[in-house]
Structures are given as C-alpha cells and as structure tokens.
Amino acid sequence: MFTGVPLASGKSEIFEIVLQFMPDWVQIPVLVLIVLLVVGSWAFKLKRKIDRRRARRQGQAVQVPVQHGQGRGADYLGPYAPQQQPQQPSGADFLGAYAPQQPQGNRPA
C-alpha cells in the first residue's frame, strides 16, 4: 500500500513525460508559452467582463456569444437569412370559399 504523497493526475503525468523527452533548451520556452497562454486567457476574460459591465452601465446592447446547441441556422446567417414569411392561414381561414358561412346577424364587426 502506498502511503506517501498522493499521485498526480493523469494529465500532469503525461505533461511531465512529454517535457522529459524534450531537450533542456526547449523545456523552458515551452513552459513560458504555456504560462503566457494561461495568463493571456485570464486577461482576455477579465477584459470581456469589464467591457460587458461598462456597456450595461451605459445602456448599450451587449453581444453575448451563442453557446453550442443554441439558436437556429438562420440566426447565424445574418443578412443572408431568408425573410420571415407572413403567417399562413390555417383551419377555417384556409378553407376559403368552402368555409361554413356565418348567419348575417352574427358577423363580427
């Protein structure tokens, strides 16, 4: 039974193995790039959050990205989307001349 330090996650073990196969002069720049990517993503998220807050305070419309699985195809087409058709008649409206006639006195105004 192992009673020492708990094992690292699988991702970190794979990361360490990949780093071990790299030469020493490549390991440091790779680590620096990874750190820069993480810090850059944090800065980008913070900037977006600040921009949304400023837009809300000024009463401007805020662009919210559509999450995966939301919206319809026409939402992504923009000006190329087909125009909405007027509501098609249905039921008795669609029967036209074949619809039952209402008595003269009961017609709506």
N, C-alpha and C. Protein backbone atom coordinates (compact mmCIF):
# COMPACT_ATOMS: atom_id res chain seq x y z
N MET A 1 0.84 -1.19 0.00
CA MET A 1 0.00 0.00 0.00
C MET A 1 0.88 1.25 0.00
N PHE A 2 0.49 2.23 -0.79
CA PHE A 2 1.25 3.47 -0.94
C PHE A 2 0.78 4.49 0.09
N THR A 3 1.69 4.99 0.94
CA THR A 3 1.30 5.92 1.99
C THR A 3 1.99 7.27 1.85
N GLY A 4 2.64 7.52 0.72
CA GLY A 4 3.36 8.78 0.51
C GLY A 4 2.45 9.87 -0.02
N VAL A 5 3.04 10.70 -0.82
CA VAL A 5 2.33 11.82 -1.43
C VAL A 5 1.30 11.28 -2.41
N PRO A 6 0.10 11.85 -2.46
CA PRO A 6 -0.89 11.36 -3.41
C PRO A 6 -0.39 11.52 -4.85
N LEU A 7 -0.82 10.62 -5.71
CA LEU A 7 -0.39 10.64 -7.10
C LEU A 7 -0.96 11.84 -7.84
N ALA A 8 -0.20 12.30 -8.81
CA ALA A 8 -0.66 13.41 -9.63
C ALA A 8 -1.73 12.93 -10.60
N SER A 9 -2.45 13.86 -11.17
CA SER A 9 -3.48 13.48 -12.14
C SER A 9 -2.83 12.95 -13.41
N GLY A 10 -3.62 12.29 -14.21
CA GLY A 10 -3.11 11.71 -15.45
C GLY A 10 -2.59 12.77 -16.40
N LYS A 11 -3.26 13.91 -16.44
CA LYS A 11 -2.83 14.99 -17.34
C LYS A 11 -1.45 15.50 -16.97
N SER A 12 -1.22 15.69 -15.67
CA SER A 12 0.09 16.21 -15.26
C SER A 12 1.19 15.19 -15.50
N GLU A 13 0.87 13.90 -15.33
CA GLU A 13 1.87 12.88 -15.60
C GLU A 13 2.24 12.84 -17.08
N ILE A 14 1.24 12.94 -17.95
CA ILE A 14 1.51 12.98 -19.40
C ILE A 14 2.33 14.21 -19.74
N PHE A 15 1.99 15.35 -19.14
CA PHE A 15 2.73 16.60 -19.39
C PHE A 15 4.19 16.44 -18.98
N GLU A 16 4.44 15.83 -17.82
CA GLU A 16 5.81 15.64 -17.36
C GLU A 16 6.58 14.70 -18.27
N ILE A 17 5.93 13.65 -18.74
CA ILE A 17 6.60 12.70 -19.65
C ILE A 17 6.99 13.39 -20.95
N VAL A 18 6.07 14.21 -21.49
CA VAL A 18 6.37 14.93 -22.73
C VAL A 18 7.54 15.89 -22.52
N LEU A 19 7.54 16.58 -21.38
CA LEU A 19 8.64 17.50 -21.09
C LEU A 19 9.98 16.77 -20.95
N GLN A 20 9.97 15.59 -20.38
CA GLN A 20 11.22 14.85 -20.20
C GLN A 20 11.85 14.46 -21.53
N PHE A 21 11.03 14.23 -22.55
CA PHE A 21 11.56 13.85 -23.85
C PHE A 21 12.12 15.04 -24.63
N MET A 22 11.81 16.25 -24.19
CA MET A 22 12.32 17.44 -24.88
C MET A 22 13.71 17.77 -24.36
N PRO A 23 14.53 18.37 -25.22
CA PRO A 23 15.85 18.83 -24.72
C PRO A 23 15.66 19.97 -23.71
N ASP A 24 16.68 20.17 -22.89
CA ASP A 24 16.59 21.18 -21.84
C ASP A 24 16.34 22.58 -22.39
N TRP A 25 16.95 22.90 -23.53
CA TRP A 25 16.81 24.25 -24.07
C TRP A 25 15.41 24.49 -24.63
N VAL A 26 14.58 23.45 -24.82
CA VAL A 26 13.21 23.61 -25.32
C VAL A 26 12.21 23.63 -24.17
N GLN A 27 12.56 22.98 -23.06
CA GLN A 27 11.61 22.87 -21.95
C GLN A 27 11.20 24.23 -21.39
N ILE A 28 12.16 25.11 -21.16
CA ILE A 28 11.85 26.42 -20.56
C ILE A 28 10.97 27.26 -21.48
N PRO A 29 11.28 27.40 -22.78
CA PRO A 29 10.37 28.19 -23.63
C PRO A 29 8.96 27.59 -23.71
N VAL A 30 8.85 26.26 -23.70
CA VAL A 30 7.53 25.64 -23.73
C VAL A 30 6.76 25.99 -22.47
N LEU A 31 7.40 25.90 -21.32
CA LEU A 31 6.74 26.25 -20.07
C LEU A 31 6.34 27.72 -20.05
N VAL A 32 7.20 28.59 -20.56
CA VAL A 32 6.89 30.03 -20.61
C VAL A 32 5.69 30.28 -21.52
N LEU A 33 5.64 29.59 -22.67
CA LEU A 33 4.49 29.77 -23.58
C LEU A 33 3.19 29.31 -22.94
N ILE A 34 3.24 28.20 -22.22
CA ILE A 34 2.03 27.71 -21.55
C ILE A 34 1.56 28.70 -20.49
N VAL A 35 2.49 29.22 -19.71
CA VAL A 35 2.13 30.21 -18.69
C VAL A 35 1.56 31.46 -19.34
N LEU A 36 2.16 31.92 -20.44
CA LEU A 36 1.64 33.10 -21.14
C LEU A 36 0.24 32.85 -21.69
N LEU A 37 -0.02 31.65 -22.21
CA LEU A 37 -1.36 31.34 -22.70
C LEU A 37 -2.39 31.38 -21.58
N VAL A 38 -2.05 30.83 -20.43
CA VAL A 38 -2.99 30.83 -19.31
C VAL A 38 -3.25 32.25 -18.82
N VAL A 39 -2.18 33.02 -18.62
CA VAL A 39 -2.34 34.40 -18.15
C VAL A 39 -3.08 35.24 -19.19
N GLY A 40 -2.78 35.02 -20.48
CA GLY A 40 -3.47 35.75 -21.54
C GLY A 40 -4.95 35.45 -21.58
N SER A 41 -5.31 34.18 -21.38
CA SER A 41 -6.73 33.84 -21.38
C SER A 41 -7.44 34.48 -20.19
N TRP A 42 -6.78 34.52 -19.03
CA TRP A 42 -7.37 35.19 -17.88
C TRP A 42 -7.56 36.68 -18.16
N ALA A 43 -6.56 37.32 -18.77
CA ALA A 43 -6.66 38.75 -19.08
C ALA A 43 -7.78 39.00 -20.09
N PHE A 44 -7.91 38.14 -21.10
CA PHE A 44 -8.95 38.31 -22.10
C PHE A 44 -10.34 38.17 -21.47
N LYS A 45 -10.52 37.18 -20.59
CA LYS A 45 -11.80 37.02 -19.92
C LYS A 45 -12.12 38.21 -19.03
N LEU A 46 -11.10 38.73 -18.34
CA LEU A 46 -11.31 39.89 -17.48
C LEU A 46 -11.69 41.12 -18.31
N LYS A 47 -11.04 41.31 -19.47
CA LYS A 47 -11.35 42.44 -20.33
C LYS A 47 -12.79 42.35 -20.84
N ARG A 48 -13.22 41.15 -21.25
CA ARG A 48 -14.60 40.97 -21.73
C ARG A 48 -15.59 41.26 -20.62
N LYS A 49 -15.27 40.81 -19.40
CA LYS A 49 -16.16 41.06 -18.27
C LYS A 49 -16.28 42.55 -17.99
N ILE A 50 -15.17 43.27 -18.04
CA ILE A 50 -15.18 44.71 -17.81
C ILE A 50 -15.96 45.42 -18.91
N ASP A 51 -15.76 45.01 -20.18
CA ASP A 51 -16.48 45.62 -21.29
C ASP A 51 -17.99 45.42 -21.15
N ARG A 52 -18.41 44.21 -20.75
CA ARG A 52 -19.84 43.96 -20.55
C ARG A 52 -20.40 44.84 -19.45
N ARG A 53 -19.66 44.97 -18.37
CA ARG A 53 -20.14 45.79 -17.25
C ARG A 53 -20.26 47.25 -17.67
N ARG A 54 -19.27 47.76 -18.42
CA ARG A 54 -19.34 49.15 -18.89
C ARG A 54 -20.52 49.35 -19.84
N ALA A 55 -20.75 48.39 -20.73
CA ALA A 55 -21.86 48.50 -21.67
C ALA A 55 -23.19 48.50 -20.94
N ARG A 56 -23.32 47.65 -19.91
CA ARG A 56 -24.55 47.62 -19.14
C ARG A 56 -24.80 48.95 -18.44
N ARG A 57 -23.74 49.54 -17.89
CA ARG A 57 -23.90 50.82 -17.18
C ARG A 57 -24.29 51.94 -18.14
N GLN A 58 -23.80 51.89 -19.37
CA GLN A 58 -24.10 52.93 -20.35
C GLN A 58 -25.37 52.64 -21.14
N GLY A 59 -25.99 51.50 -20.90
CA GLY A 59 -27.24 51.17 -21.57
C GLY A 59 -27.07 50.70 -23.00
N GLN A 60 -25.90 50.24 -23.36
CA GLN A 60 -25.66 49.75 -24.72
C GLN A 60 -26.00 48.27 -24.80
N ALA A 61 -26.26 47.82 -26.03
CA ALA A 61 -26.52 46.41 -26.25
C ALA A 61 -25.22 45.63 -26.06
N VAL A 62 -25.32 44.48 -25.44
CA VAL A 62 -24.16 43.65 -25.17
C VAL A 62 -24.21 42.45 -26.10
N GLN A 63 -23.09 42.17 -26.79
CA GLN A 63 -23.01 41.00 -27.66
C GLN A 63 -22.72 39.79 -26.79
N VAL A 64 -23.66 38.86 -26.75
CA VAL A 64 -23.47 37.63 -26.00
C VAL A 64 -23.25 36.51 -27.00
N PRO A 65 -22.13 35.80 -26.88
CA PRO A 65 -21.89 34.72 -27.85
C PRO A 65 -22.90 33.60 -27.67
N VAL A 66 -23.34 33.03 -28.79
CA VAL A 66 -24.28 31.93 -28.74
C VAL A 66 -23.52 30.67 -28.34
N GLN A 67 -24.03 29.98 -27.34
CA GLN A 67 -23.38 28.76 -26.90
C GLN A 67 -23.74 27.62 -27.82
N HIS A 68 -22.93 26.61 -27.80
CA HIS A 68 -23.13 25.46 -28.67
C HIS A 68 -24.50 24.84 -28.41
N GLY A 69 -25.25 24.60 -29.49
CA GLY A 69 -26.55 23.97 -29.37
C GLY A 69 -27.69 24.95 -29.22
N GLN A 70 -27.39 26.25 -29.17
CA GLN A 70 -28.46 27.24 -29.05
C GLN A 70 -28.66 27.94 -30.38
N GLY A 71 -29.84 28.42 -30.57
CA GLY A 71 -30.13 29.18 -31.77
C GLY A 71 -30.47 28.29 -32.94
N ARG A 72 -30.84 28.93 -34.05
CA ARG A 72 -31.19 28.19 -35.27
C ARG A 72 -30.20 28.58 -36.35
N GLY A 73 -30.27 27.89 -37.46
CA GLY A 73 -29.37 28.17 -38.56
C GLY A 73 -29.52 29.59 -39.08
N ALA A 74 -30.74 30.11 -39.14
CA ALA A 74 -30.97 31.46 -39.64
C ALA A 74 -30.34 32.51 -38.74
N ASP A 75 -30.15 32.19 -37.46
CA ASP A 75 -29.53 33.15 -36.55
C ASP A 75 -28.09 33.44 -36.94
N TYR A 76 -27.43 32.49 -37.58
CA TYR A 76 -26.03 32.65 -37.93
C TYR A 76 -25.85 33.26 -39.32
N LEU A 77 -26.91 33.32 -40.11
CA LEU A 77 -26.80 33.79 -41.49
C LEU A 77 -26.80 35.31 -41.60
N GLY A 78 -27.32 35.98 -40.59
CA GLY A 78 -27.36 37.44 -40.61
C GLY A 78 -28.20 37.95 -41.76
N PRO A 79 -27.65 38.88 -42.59
CA PRO A 79 -28.45 39.44 -43.69
C PRO A 79 -28.76 38.43 -44.78
N TYR A 80 -28.09 37.29 -44.77
CA TYR A 80 -28.34 36.29 -45.79
C TYR A 80 -29.46 35.32 -45.41
N ALA A 81 -30.03 35.51 -44.23
CA ALA A 81 -31.11 34.63 -43.78
C ALA A 81 -32.36 34.88 -44.61
N PRO A 82 -33.15 33.85 -44.87
CA PRO A 82 -34.39 34.06 -45.61
C PRO A 82 -35.35 34.93 -44.81
N GLN A 83 -36.12 35.74 -45.52
CA GLN A 83 -37.07 36.63 -44.86
C GLN A 83 -38.21 35.82 -44.26
N GLN A 84 -38.73 36.28 -43.13
CA GLN A 84 -39.85 35.59 -42.49
C GLN A 84 -41.08 35.73 -43.37
N GLN A 85 -41.75 34.63 -43.59
CA GLN A 85 -42.99 34.64 -44.37
C GLN A 85 -44.14 35.06 -43.47
N PRO A 86 -45.14 35.75 -44.05
CA PRO A 86 -46.30 36.08 -43.22
C PRO A 86 -46.99 34.80 -42.74
N GLN A 87 -47.70 34.92 -41.66
CA GLN A 87 -48.37 33.76 -41.07
C GLN A 87 -49.36 33.16 -42.07
N GLN A 88 -49.23 31.88 -42.33
CA GLN A 88 -50.14 31.19 -43.25
C GLN A 88 -51.47 30.94 -42.56
N PRO A 89 -52.56 31.14 -43.28
CA PRO A 89 -53.87 30.86 -42.67
C PRO A 89 -54.02 29.36 -42.40
N SER A 90 -54.78 29.05 -41.39
CA SER A 90 -54.99 27.64 -41.05
C SER A 90 -56.44 27.43 -40.64
N GLY A 91 -56.84 26.20 -40.58
CA GLY A 91 -58.19 25.87 -40.13
C GLY A 91 -59.25 26.39 -41.08
N ALA A 92 -60.30 27.01 -40.54
CA ALA A 92 -61.40 27.52 -41.35
C ALA A 92 -60.95 28.67 -42.24
N ASP A 93 -59.94 29.42 -41.83
CA ASP A 93 -59.45 30.51 -42.66
C ASP A 93 -58.88 29.98 -43.96
N PHE A 94 -58.28 28.82 -43.90
CA PHE A 94 -57.63 28.25 -45.07
C PHE A 94 -58.64 27.65 -46.06
N LEU A 95 -59.86 27.38 -45.58
CA LEU A 95 -60.86 26.77 -46.45
C LEU A 95 -61.38 27.72 -47.51
N GLY A 96 -61.25 29.00 -47.27
CA GLY A 96 -61.67 30.00 -48.26
C GLY A 96 -63.16 29.91 -48.55
N ALA A 97 -63.54 29.71 -49.82
CA ALA A 97 -64.95 29.67 -50.22
C ALA A 97 -65.65 28.45 -49.66
N TYR A 98 -64.90 27.44 -49.25
CA TYR A 98 -65.53 26.22 -48.73
C TYR A 98 -65.81 26.29 -47.23
N ALA A 99 -65.43 27.39 -46.57
CA ALA A 99 -65.67 27.53 -45.14
C ALA A 99 -67.16 27.70 -44.89
N PRO A 100 -67.67 27.21 -43.74
CA PRO A 100 -69.09 27.38 -43.45
C PRO A 100 -69.43 28.87 -43.33
N GLN A 101 -70.55 29.25 -43.86
CA GLN A 101 -70.99 30.65 -43.84
C GLN A 101 -71.64 30.96 -42.50
N GLN A 102 -71.37 32.17 -41.98
CA GLN A 102 -71.99 32.61 -40.74
C GLN A 102 -73.30 33.31 -41.08
N PRO A 103 -74.27 33.22 -40.18
CA PRO A 103 -75.52 33.95 -40.43
C PRO A 103 -75.25 35.46 -40.46
N GLN A 104 -76.10 36.20 -41.19
CA GLN A 104 -75.90 37.64 -41.39
C GLN A 104 -75.86 38.43 -40.08
N GLY A 105 -76.67 38.08 -39.11
CA GLY A 105 -76.77 38.85 -37.88
C GLY A 105 -75.63 38.62 -36.90
N ASN A 106 -74.88 37.53 -37.05
CA ASN A 106 -73.83 37.18 -36.08
C ASN A 106 -72.41 37.49 -36.58
N ARG A 107 -72.29 38.25 -37.61
CA ARG A 107 -70.94 38.57 -38.10
C ARG A 107 -70.24 39.54 -37.16
N PRO A 108 -68.94 39.29 -36.90
CA PRO A 108 -68.21 40.25 -36.03
C PRO A 108 -67.95 41.56 -36.76
N ALA A 109 -67.87 42.61 -35.99
CA ALA A 109 -67.69 43.93 -36.57
C ALA A 109 -66.25 44.23 -36.87
